[in-house]
Amino acid sequence: MQTRLLIGLLIPLIPVGAKMTMLRVFFALLILIFNPVRAATYQDLFNQKSVISVTDDAVILVDVERPATKCDLSEEFACIRSHSFTLAVPRNPSVKKWSFAGSHYEVVLGDEREILGAGYTYRVIKVVGVSNFLISYSRTRGVMAIKEPSGNTLLLHEKCGLLVQDPSDGCR
């Protein structure tokens, strides 16, 4: 009650320009809280220069940022599209081969393992075409690892990776 009274007394004393700035900051914070920018960063444990970071609207390879877009929920794939990096997985988990944006995808292994003390069901997907690499993909965690043709294996830094389709593990 006293806090509310103090705020009520102080607000009229704040200059109009400062009030507008405070409102802008407040609304920016609300946007960040209710619509946070998700980022997934993948890095090789033994090669600090081999890094890929992906947000909802950008792909950053090492230090070059390119704009990116995600597939709509109505499309048959969950995907991220960028000039420098494109990746897609079908929304239908029974699909084992598909093509997207000039690359061909194939599930080469399905497995269930414990990794760092947690159990995961995942698929290894081979990507051939515009880019060539392997990914480890879980519907509940998204892309967990990327193996480059150079042999570098980039591991996910965060709990949740790209293209999560099943939010049952708390990922979106």
N, C-alpha and C. Protein backbone atom coordinates (compact mmCIF):
# COMPACT_ATOMS: atom_id res chain seq x y z
N MET A 1 0.83 -1.19 0.00
CA MET A 1 0.00 0.00 0.00
C MET A 1 0.87 1.25 0.00
N GLN A 2 1.93 1.29 0.85
CA GLN A 2 2.80 2.46 0.91
C GLN A 2 3.59 2.62 -0.38
N THR A 3 3.98 1.50 -0.99
CA THR A 3 4.72 1.56 -2.25
C THR A 3 3.86 2.17 -3.33
N ARG A 4 2.60 1.75 -3.43
CA ARG A 4 1.68 2.28 -4.43
C ARG A 4 1.49 3.79 -4.24
N LEU A 5 1.37 4.22 -2.99
CA LEU A 5 1.19 5.63 -2.68
C LEU A 5 2.43 6.42 -3.08
N LEU A 6 3.62 5.88 -2.78
CA LEU A 6 4.87 6.55 -3.12
C LEU A 6 5.01 6.69 -4.63
N ILE A 7 4.71 5.63 -5.37
CA ILE A 7 4.78 5.67 -6.84
C ILE A 7 3.79 6.70 -7.37
N GLY A 8 2.57 6.70 -6.81
CA GLY A 8 1.55 7.67 -7.22
C GLY A 8 2.00 9.10 -6.99
N LEU A 9 2.74 9.35 -5.95
CA LEU A 9 3.23 10.70 -5.66
C LEU A 9 4.42 11.09 -6.54
N LEU A 10 5.27 10.10 -6.89
CA LEU A 10 6.47 10.39 -7.67
C LEU A 10 6.22 10.53 -9.17
N ILE A 11 5.26 9.80 -9.73
CA ILE A 11 5.01 9.81 -11.18
C ILE A 11 4.77 11.23 -11.70
N PRO A 12 3.94 12.06 -11.04
CA PRO A 12 3.74 13.42 -11.57
C PRO A 12 5.01 14.26 -11.57
N LEU A 13 6.00 13.90 -10.77
CA LEU A 13 7.24 14.68 -10.70
C LEU A 13 8.23 14.33 -11.81
N ILE A 14 8.02 13.19 -12.49
CA ILE A 14 8.93 12.75 -13.56
C ILE A 14 8.61 13.53 -14.83
N PRO A 15 9.62 14.12 -15.50
CA PRO A 15 9.38 14.86 -16.74
C PRO A 15 8.71 13.98 -17.79
N VAL A 16 7.92 14.62 -18.67
CA VAL A 16 7.14 13.89 -19.69
C VAL A 16 8.04 13.03 -20.57
N GLY A 17 9.19 13.54 -21.02
CA GLY A 17 10.10 12.77 -21.87
C GLY A 17 10.61 11.52 -21.19
N ALA A 18 10.90 11.64 -19.91
CA ALA A 18 11.36 10.48 -19.14
C ALA A 18 10.25 9.45 -18.98
N LYS A 19 9.01 9.92 -18.83
CA LYS A 19 7.86 9.00 -18.72
C LYS A 19 7.73 8.19 -20.00
N MET A 20 7.89 8.85 -21.15
CA MET A 20 7.78 8.15 -22.44
C MET A 20 8.91 7.12 -22.56
N THR A 21 10.11 7.50 -22.14
CA THR A 21 11.23 6.56 -22.18
C THR A 21 10.95 5.37 -21.28
N MET A 22 10.43 5.64 -20.08
CA MET A 22 10.11 4.55 -19.17
C MET A 22 9.04 3.63 -19.76
N LEU A 23 8.04 4.21 -20.42
CA LEU A 23 6.99 3.39 -21.06
C LEU A 23 7.58 2.54 -22.17
N ARG A 24 8.46 3.12 -22.98
CA ARG A 24 9.08 2.36 -24.07
C ARG A 24 9.89 1.19 -23.52
N VAL A 25 10.67 1.44 -22.47
CA VAL A 25 11.46 0.38 -21.84
C VAL A 25 10.54 -0.69 -21.28
N PHE A 26 9.47 -0.28 -20.62
CA PHE A 26 8.51 -1.22 -20.05
C PHE A 26 7.91 -2.12 -21.13
N PHE A 27 7.46 -1.52 -22.24
CA PHE A 27 6.86 -2.32 -23.30
C PHE A 27 7.89 -3.20 -24.01
N ALA A 28 9.12 -2.72 -24.15
CA ALA A 28 10.18 -3.55 -24.73
C ALA A 28 10.44 -4.77 -23.84
N LEU A 29 10.45 -4.57 -22.53
CA LEU A 29 10.64 -5.69 -21.60
C LEU A 29 9.48 -6.68 -21.69
N LEU A 30 8.26 -6.17 -21.81
CA LEU A 30 7.11 -7.07 -21.98
C LEU A 30 7.24 -7.91 -23.23
N ILE A 31 7.67 -7.29 -24.32
CA ILE A 31 7.85 -8.03 -25.58
C ILE A 31 8.90 -9.12 -25.40
N LEU A 32 10.02 -8.78 -24.75
CA LEU A 32 11.07 -9.77 -24.53
C LEU A 32 10.60 -10.91 -23.63
N ILE A 33 9.82 -10.57 -22.61
CA ILE A 33 9.35 -11.60 -21.69
C ILE A 33 8.37 -12.54 -22.36
N PHE A 34 7.43 -11.98 -23.13
CA PHE A 34 6.38 -12.81 -23.71
C PHE A 34 6.69 -13.30 -25.11
N ASN A 35 7.73 -12.79 -25.74
CA ASN A 35 8.13 -13.23 -27.07
C ASN A 35 9.65 -13.24 -27.16
N PRO A 36 10.32 -14.08 -26.36
CA PRO A 36 11.77 -14.05 -26.34
C PRO A 36 12.37 -14.56 -27.66
N VAL A 37 13.51 -14.00 -28.04
CA VAL A 37 14.22 -14.48 -29.22
C VAL A 37 14.94 -15.75 -28.80
N ARG A 38 14.60 -16.84 -29.45
CA ARG A 38 15.27 -18.10 -29.16
C ARG A 38 16.53 -18.18 -29.99
N ALA A 39 17.56 -18.68 -29.39
CA ALA A 39 18.81 -18.89 -30.11
C ALA A 39 19.30 -20.29 -29.82
N ALA A 40 19.87 -20.90 -30.83
CA ALA A 40 20.53 -22.20 -30.67
C ALA A 40 21.95 -22.03 -31.17
N THR A 41 22.91 -22.36 -30.33
CA THR A 41 24.31 -22.23 -30.70
C THR A 41 24.96 -23.61 -30.68
N TYR A 42 25.69 -23.89 -31.73
CA TYR A 42 26.39 -25.17 -31.89
C TYR A 42 27.88 -24.86 -32.03
N GLN A 43 28.71 -25.57 -31.25
CA GLN A 43 30.14 -25.32 -31.32
C GLN A 43 30.90 -26.62 -31.09
N ASP A 44 32.00 -26.76 -31.82
CA ASP A 44 32.88 -27.91 -31.65
C ASP A 44 33.67 -27.73 -30.35
N LEU A 45 33.71 -28.77 -29.53
CA LEU A 45 34.43 -28.69 -28.27
C LEU A 45 35.93 -28.49 -28.44
N PHE A 46 36.47 -28.92 -29.58
CA PHE A 46 37.91 -28.89 -29.79
C PHE A 46 38.35 -27.84 -30.80
N ASN A 47 37.42 -27.12 -31.40
CA ASN A 47 37.74 -26.10 -32.39
C ASN A 47 36.84 -24.90 -32.15
N GLN A 48 37.34 -23.92 -31.42
CA GLN A 48 36.55 -22.75 -31.02
C GLN A 48 36.05 -21.94 -32.21
N LYS A 49 36.68 -22.08 -33.38
CA LYS A 49 36.29 -21.30 -34.55
C LYS A 49 35.09 -21.90 -35.28
N SER A 50 34.77 -23.13 -35.00
CA SER A 50 33.67 -23.80 -35.69
C SER A 50 32.39 -23.60 -34.89
N VAL A 51 31.62 -22.56 -35.27
CA VAL A 51 30.43 -22.17 -34.52
C VAL A 51 29.29 -21.82 -35.49
N ILE A 52 28.08 -22.27 -35.16
CA ILE A 52 26.87 -21.86 -35.86
C ILE A 52 25.88 -21.41 -34.79
N SER A 53 25.34 -20.20 -34.94
CA SER A 53 24.29 -19.71 -34.06
C SER A 53 23.08 -19.38 -34.92
N VAL A 54 21.91 -19.78 -34.45
CA VAL A 54 20.69 -19.55 -35.21
C VAL A 54 19.64 -18.95 -34.28
N THR A 55 19.05 -17.82 -34.71
CA THR A 55 17.91 -17.25 -34.00
C THR A 55 16.69 -17.42 -34.90
N ASP A 56 15.56 -16.89 -34.48
CA ASP A 56 14.35 -17.00 -35.29
C ASP A 56 14.46 -16.26 -36.61
N ASP A 57 15.39 -15.30 -36.72
CA ASP A 57 15.48 -14.52 -37.96
C ASP A 57 16.90 -14.34 -38.50
N ALA A 58 17.88 -15.09 -37.98
CA ALA A 58 19.25 -14.95 -38.47
C ALA A 58 20.06 -16.23 -38.25
N VAL A 59 21.03 -16.43 -39.15
CA VAL A 59 22.01 -17.50 -39.01
C VAL A 59 23.36 -16.84 -38.96
N ILE A 60 24.18 -17.20 -37.96
CA ILE A 60 25.51 -16.65 -37.82
C ILE A 60 26.51 -17.79 -37.92
N LEU A 61 27.31 -17.77 -38.98
CA LEU A 61 28.37 -18.76 -39.18
C LEU A 61 29.68 -18.07 -38.83
N VAL A 62 30.32 -18.52 -37.78
CA VAL A 62 31.53 -17.93 -37.21
C VAL A 62 31.22 -16.48 -36.85
N ASP A 63 31.44 -15.51 -37.77
CA ASP A 63 31.15 -14.12 -37.46
C ASP A 63 30.37 -13.41 -38.56
N VAL A 64 29.79 -14.17 -39.50
CA VAL A 64 29.01 -13.60 -40.59
C VAL A 64 27.53 -13.89 -40.34
N GLU A 65 26.73 -12.83 -40.24
CA GLU A 65 25.30 -12.98 -39.97
C GLU A 65 24.51 -12.81 -41.26
N ARG A 66 23.58 -13.72 -41.48
CA ARG A 66 22.68 -13.68 -42.64
C ARG A 66 21.24 -13.75 -42.15
N PRO A 67 20.31 -13.08 -42.84
CA PRO A 67 18.90 -13.18 -42.45
C PRO A 67 18.38 -14.60 -42.69
N ALA A 68 17.41 -14.99 -41.90
CA ALA A 68 16.83 -16.33 -42.01
C ALA A 68 15.33 -16.26 -41.77
N THR A 69 14.62 -17.25 -42.29
CA THR A 69 13.19 -17.38 -42.04
C THR A 69 12.89 -18.81 -41.63
N LYS A 70 11.80 -18.97 -40.90
CA LYS A 70 11.36 -20.30 -40.49
C LYS A 70 10.14 -20.69 -41.32
N CYS A 71 9.95 -21.99 -41.53
CA CYS A 71 8.74 -22.46 -42.21
C CYS A 71 7.53 -22.20 -41.31
N ASP A 72 6.39 -21.94 -41.94
CA ASP A 72 5.14 -21.78 -41.21
C ASP A 72 4.67 -23.14 -40.70
N LEU A 73 3.88 -23.12 -39.65
CA LEU A 73 3.33 -24.37 -39.10
C LEU A 73 2.48 -25.12 -40.11
N SER A 74 1.94 -24.41 -41.10
CA SER A 74 1.10 -25.05 -42.12
C SER A 74 1.92 -25.81 -43.16
N GLU A 75 3.22 -25.58 -43.23
CA GLU A 75 4.07 -26.26 -44.21
C GLU A 75 4.41 -27.67 -43.74
N GLU A 76 4.78 -28.54 -44.68
CA GLU A 76 5.04 -29.94 -44.33
C GLU A 76 6.37 -30.15 -43.62
N PHE A 77 7.21 -29.10 -43.55
CA PHE A 77 8.51 -29.20 -42.88
C PHE A 77 8.62 -28.18 -41.75
N ALA A 78 9.38 -28.54 -40.73
CA ALA A 78 9.90 -27.56 -39.79
C ALA A 78 11.25 -27.19 -40.38
N CYS A 79 11.52 -25.90 -40.57
CA CYS A 79 12.76 -25.54 -41.26
C CYS A 79 13.27 -24.18 -40.85
N ILE A 80 14.52 -23.96 -41.18
CA ILE A 80 15.15 -22.65 -41.13
C ILE A 80 15.80 -22.46 -42.50
N ARG A 81 15.55 -21.29 -43.12
CA ARG A 81 16.09 -21.01 -44.45
C ARG A 81 16.98 -19.77 -44.39
N SER A 82 18.17 -19.91 -44.95
CA SER A 82 19.10 -18.79 -45.02
C SER A 82 20.00 -19.02 -46.23
N HIS A 83 20.61 -17.94 -46.68
CA HIS A 83 21.55 -18.06 -47.80
C HIS A 83 22.73 -18.97 -47.44
N SER A 84 23.13 -18.93 -46.18
CA SER A 84 24.33 -19.67 -45.77
C SER A 84 24.05 -21.01 -45.10
N PHE A 85 22.79 -21.24 -44.66
CA PHE A 85 22.49 -22.48 -43.93
C PHE A 85 20.99 -22.73 -44.00
N THR A 86 20.61 -23.88 -44.53
CA THR A 86 19.21 -24.27 -44.60
C THR A 86 19.08 -25.68 -44.06
N LEU A 87 18.03 -25.90 -43.30
CA LEU A 87 17.81 -27.20 -42.68
C LEU A 87 16.31 -27.44 -42.56
N ALA A 88 15.87 -28.67 -42.85
CA ALA A 88 14.44 -28.99 -42.78
C ALA A 88 14.24 -30.42 -42.31
N VAL A 89 13.22 -30.61 -41.48
CA VAL A 89 12.80 -31.96 -41.08
C VAL A 89 11.29 -32.04 -41.28
N PRO A 90 10.81 -33.20 -41.73
CA PRO A 90 9.37 -33.32 -41.98
C PRO A 90 8.57 -33.32 -40.69
N ARG A 91 7.38 -32.78 -40.75
CA ARG A 91 6.49 -32.80 -39.57
C ARG A 91 5.96 -34.21 -39.32
N ASN A 92 5.91 -35.03 -40.37
CA ASN A 92 5.48 -36.41 -40.26
C ASN A 92 6.70 -37.27 -39.90
N PRO A 93 6.77 -37.82 -38.68
CA PRO A 93 7.97 -38.56 -38.26
C PRO A 93 8.22 -39.88 -38.99
N SER A 94 7.24 -40.37 -39.75
CA SER A 94 7.45 -41.63 -40.46
C SER A 94 8.20 -41.44 -41.78
N VAL A 95 8.36 -40.21 -42.23
CA VAL A 95 9.09 -39.93 -43.48
C VAL A 95 10.58 -40.18 -43.24
N LYS A 96 11.20 -40.97 -44.13
CA LYS A 96 12.62 -41.32 -43.97
C LYS A 96 13.52 -40.66 -45.01
N LYS A 97 12.94 -40.20 -46.13
CA LYS A 97 13.70 -39.50 -47.18
C LYS A 97 12.88 -38.31 -47.66
N TRP A 98 13.55 -37.17 -47.91
CA TRP A 98 12.87 -36.00 -48.43
C TRP A 98 13.87 -35.07 -49.07
N SER A 99 13.36 -34.12 -49.83
CA SER A 99 14.19 -33.08 -50.45
C SER A 99 13.64 -31.72 -50.04
N PHE A 100 14.56 -30.77 -49.89
CA PHE A 100 14.16 -29.42 -49.51
C PHE A 100 15.24 -28.44 -49.95
N ALA A 101 14.86 -27.42 -50.68
CA ALA A 101 15.76 -26.32 -51.08
C ALA A 101 17.07 -26.81 -51.69
N GLY A 102 17.00 -27.79 -52.57
CA GLY A 102 18.20 -28.25 -53.26
C GLY A 102 19.03 -29.28 -52.54
N SER A 103 18.61 -29.70 -51.36
CA SER A 103 19.34 -30.74 -50.62
C SER A 103 18.45 -31.96 -50.43
N HIS A 104 19.09 -33.13 -50.33
CA HIS A 104 18.37 -34.38 -50.10
C HIS A 104 18.70 -34.87 -48.69
N TYR A 105 17.68 -35.32 -48.01
CA TYR A 105 17.80 -35.74 -46.62
C TYR A 105 17.43 -37.21 -46.50
N GLU A 106 18.12 -37.93 -45.61
CA GLU A 106 17.79 -39.33 -45.36
C GLU A 106 18.12 -39.69 -43.91
N VAL A 107 17.16 -40.35 -43.26
CA VAL A 107 17.40 -40.86 -41.92
C VAL A 107 18.27 -42.10 -42.07
N VAL A 108 19.47 -42.07 -41.49
CA VAL A 108 20.40 -43.20 -41.63
C VAL A 108 20.49 -44.03 -40.35
N LEU A 109 19.95 -43.50 -39.24
CA LEU A 109 20.00 -44.22 -37.98
C LEU A 109 18.96 -43.66 -37.04
N GLY A 110 18.27 -44.53 -36.34
CA GLY A 110 17.38 -44.13 -35.26
C GLY A 110 17.90 -44.79 -33.99
N ASP A 111 17.99 -44.05 -32.91
CA ASP A 111 18.60 -44.63 -31.71
C ASP A 111 18.01 -44.00 -30.46
N GLU A 112 18.24 -44.67 -29.36
CA GLU A 112 17.87 -44.16 -28.05
C GLU A 112 19.10 -44.33 -27.17
N ARG A 113 19.57 -43.22 -26.58
CA ARG A 113 20.80 -43.26 -25.79
C ARG A 113 20.71 -42.33 -24.60
N GLU A 114 21.61 -42.59 -23.67
CA GLU A 114 21.79 -41.67 -22.56
C GLU A 114 23.01 -40.81 -22.89
N ILE A 115 22.79 -39.49 -22.86
CA ILE A 115 23.87 -38.55 -23.17
C ILE A 115 23.96 -37.57 -22.00
N LEU A 116 25.12 -37.48 -21.39
CA LEU A 116 25.33 -36.61 -20.23
C LEU A 116 24.26 -36.82 -19.17
N GLY A 117 23.90 -38.08 -18.95
CA GLY A 117 22.97 -38.42 -17.87
C GLY A 117 21.50 -38.31 -18.20
N ALA A 118 21.15 -37.94 -19.42
CA ALA A 118 19.73 -37.84 -19.80
C ALA A 118 19.46 -38.75 -20.99
N GLY A 119 18.28 -39.36 -21.01
CA GLY A 119 17.91 -40.26 -22.10
C GLY A 119 17.30 -39.50 -23.27
N TYR A 120 17.70 -39.86 -24.49
CA TYR A 120 17.19 -39.21 -25.69
C TYR A 120 16.84 -40.25 -26.74
N THR A 121 15.76 -39.99 -27.45
CA THR A 121 15.44 -40.73 -28.66
C THR A 121 15.75 -39.77 -29.80
N TYR A 122 16.59 -40.20 -30.72
CA TYR A 122 17.00 -39.30 -31.80
C TYR A 122 17.22 -40.05 -33.09
N ARG A 123 17.34 -39.29 -34.18
CA ARG A 123 17.64 -39.84 -35.49
C ARG A 123 18.87 -39.14 -36.04
N VAL A 124 19.70 -39.88 -36.73
CA VAL A 124 20.82 -39.28 -37.45
C VAL A 124 20.35 -39.09 -38.88
N ILE A 125 20.44 -37.85 -39.35
CA ILE A 125 19.96 -37.50 -40.69
C ILE A 125 21.15 -37.03 -41.54
N LYS A 126 21.27 -37.64 -42.71
CA LYS A 126 22.33 -37.27 -43.66
C LYS A 126 21.76 -36.23 -44.62
N VAL A 127 22.50 -35.14 -44.81
CA VAL A 127 22.09 -34.06 -45.72
C VAL A 127 23.11 -33.98 -46.84
N VAL A 128 22.64 -34.10 -48.09
CA VAL A 128 23.52 -34.04 -49.26
C VAL A 128 22.93 -33.06 -50.26
N GLY A 129 23.77 -32.17 -50.78
CA GLY A 129 23.30 -31.22 -51.78
C GLY A 129 24.02 -29.90 -51.66
N VAL A 130 23.26 -28.83 -51.41
CA VAL A 130 23.84 -27.50 -51.27
C VAL A 130 24.89 -27.52 -50.17
N SER A 131 24.59 -28.15 -49.06
CA SER A 131 25.54 -28.39 -47.97
C SER A 131 25.55 -29.88 -47.69
N ASN A 132 26.67 -30.39 -47.21
CA ASN A 132 26.77 -31.81 -46.87
C ASN A 132 27.15 -31.93 -45.40
N PHE A 133 26.30 -32.58 -44.62
CA PHE A 133 26.59 -32.78 -43.20
C PHE A 133 25.64 -33.81 -42.63
N LEU A 134 25.88 -34.20 -41.39
CA LEU A 134 24.98 -35.08 -40.65
C LEU A 134 24.44 -34.29 -39.47
N ILE A 135 23.19 -34.59 -39.07
CA ILE A 135 22.66 -33.99 -37.86
C ILE A 135 22.09 -35.08 -36.97
N SER A 136 22.12 -34.82 -35.68
CA SER A 136 21.44 -35.66 -34.70
C SER A 136 20.20 -34.87 -34.31
N TYR A 137 19.02 -35.47 -34.52
CA TYR A 137 17.77 -34.75 -34.35
C TYR A 137 16.80 -35.49 -33.44
N SER A 138 16.24 -34.77 -32.49
CA SER A 138 15.20 -35.29 -31.60
C SER A 138 13.97 -34.41 -31.75
N ARG A 139 12.80 -35.00 -31.88
CA ARG A 139 11.57 -34.20 -32.02
C ARG A 139 11.32 -33.35 -30.77
N THR A 140 11.79 -33.82 -29.60
CA THR A 140 11.54 -33.08 -28.36
C THR A 140 12.64 -32.08 -28.02
N ARG A 141 13.84 -32.25 -28.55
CA ARG A 141 14.97 -31.34 -28.27
C ARG A 141 15.47 -30.60 -29.50
N GLY A 142 15.02 -31.00 -30.68
CA GLY A 142 15.49 -30.36 -31.92
C GLY A 142 16.83 -30.92 -32.35
N VAL A 143 17.56 -30.12 -33.13
CA VAL A 143 18.89 -30.53 -33.60
C VAL A 143 19.84 -30.49 -32.40
N MET A 144 20.43 -31.64 -32.09
CA MET A 144 21.31 -31.73 -30.93
C MET A 144 22.78 -31.63 -31.32
N ALA A 145 23.11 -32.01 -32.56
CA ALA A 145 24.51 -31.96 -33.00
C ALA A 145 24.56 -31.87 -34.52
N ILE A 146 25.62 -31.27 -35.02
CA ILE A 146 25.86 -31.16 -36.47
C ILE A 146 27.28 -31.64 -36.73
N LYS A 147 27.43 -32.60 -37.64
CA LYS A 147 28.77 -33.08 -38.01
C LYS A 147 29.10 -32.54 -39.39
N GLU A 148 30.14 -31.72 -39.44
CA GLU A 148 30.56 -31.10 -40.70
C GLU A 148 31.40 -32.07 -41.52
N PRO A 149 31.51 -31.84 -42.85
CA PRO A 149 32.36 -32.70 -43.68
C PRO A 149 33.82 -32.68 -43.23
N SER A 150 34.26 -31.60 -42.58
CA SER A 150 35.64 -31.49 -42.11
C SER A 150 35.92 -32.43 -40.94
N GLY A 151 34.84 -33.00 -40.36
CA GLY A 151 35.00 -33.88 -39.22
C GLY A 151 34.64 -33.22 -37.90
N ASN A 152 34.52 -31.89 -37.91
CA ASN A 152 34.10 -31.19 -36.69
C ASN A 152 32.68 -31.60 -36.32
N THR A 153 32.44 -31.83 -35.03
CA THR A 153 31.09 -32.11 -34.54
C THR A 153 30.68 -30.97 -33.63
N LEU A 154 29.68 -30.24 -34.05
CA LEU A 154 29.20 -29.09 -33.31
C LEU A 154 28.07 -29.54 -32.39
N LEU A 155 28.24 -29.31 -31.09
CA LEU A 155 27.25 -29.72 -30.10
C LEU A 155 26.41 -28.54 -29.66
N LEU A 156 25.17 -28.82 -29.35
CA LEU A 156 24.23 -27.81 -28.89
C LEU A 156 24.65 -27.28 -27.52
N HIS A 157 24.65 -25.97 -27.34
CA HIS A 157 24.98 -25.34 -26.06
C HIS A 157 23.78 -25.26 -25.13
N GLU A 158 22.61 -25.00 -25.67
CA GLU A 158 21.41 -24.80 -24.88
C GLU A 158 20.67 -26.12 -24.68
N LYS A 159 19.63 -26.08 -23.87
CA LYS A 159 18.79 -27.26 -23.65
C LYS A 159 18.02 -27.63 -24.91
N CYS A 160 17.59 -26.63 -25.66
CA CYS A 160 16.73 -26.84 -26.82
C CYS A 160 17.41 -26.37 -28.09
N GLY A 161 17.32 -27.18 -29.13
CA GLY A 161 17.94 -26.84 -30.41
C GLY A 161 16.94 -26.37 -31.44
N LEU A 162 17.37 -26.37 -32.68
CA LEU A 162 16.54 -25.94 -33.80
C LEU A 162 15.45 -26.96 -34.10
N LEU A 163 14.33 -26.47 -34.59
CA LEU A 163 13.27 -27.27 -35.20
C LEU A 163 12.57 -28.24 -34.26
N VAL A 164 12.40 -27.88 -33.01
CA VAL A 164 11.66 -28.71 -32.05
C VAL A 164 10.22 -28.83 -32.53
N GLN A 165 9.67 -30.04 -32.49
CA GLN A 165 8.30 -30.25 -32.93
C GLN A 165 7.38 -30.76 -31.82
N ASP A 166 7.97 -31.34 -30.78
CA ASP A 166 7.18 -31.88 -29.67
C ASP A 166 7.63 -31.19 -28.39
N PRO A 167 6.78 -30.33 -27.81
CA PRO A 167 7.20 -29.54 -26.64
C PRO A 167 7.12 -30.29 -25.30
N SER A 168 6.99 -31.61 -25.31
CA SER A 168 6.79 -32.35 -24.06
C SER A 168 7.99 -32.29 -23.11
N ASP A 169 9.19 -31.96 -23.61
CA ASP A 169 10.37 -31.82 -22.76
C ASP A 169 10.61 -30.37 -22.33
N GLY A 170 9.64 -29.50 -22.62
CA GLY A 170 9.78 -28.10 -22.24
C GLY A 170 10.42 -27.22 -23.29
N CYS A 171 10.71 -27.76 -24.46
CA CYS A 171 11.29 -26.97 -25.55
C CYS A 171 10.17 -26.50 -26.48
N ARG A 172 10.41 -25.35 -27.12
CA ARG A 172 9.44 -24.82 -28.11
C ARG A 172 10.15 -24.57 -29.41
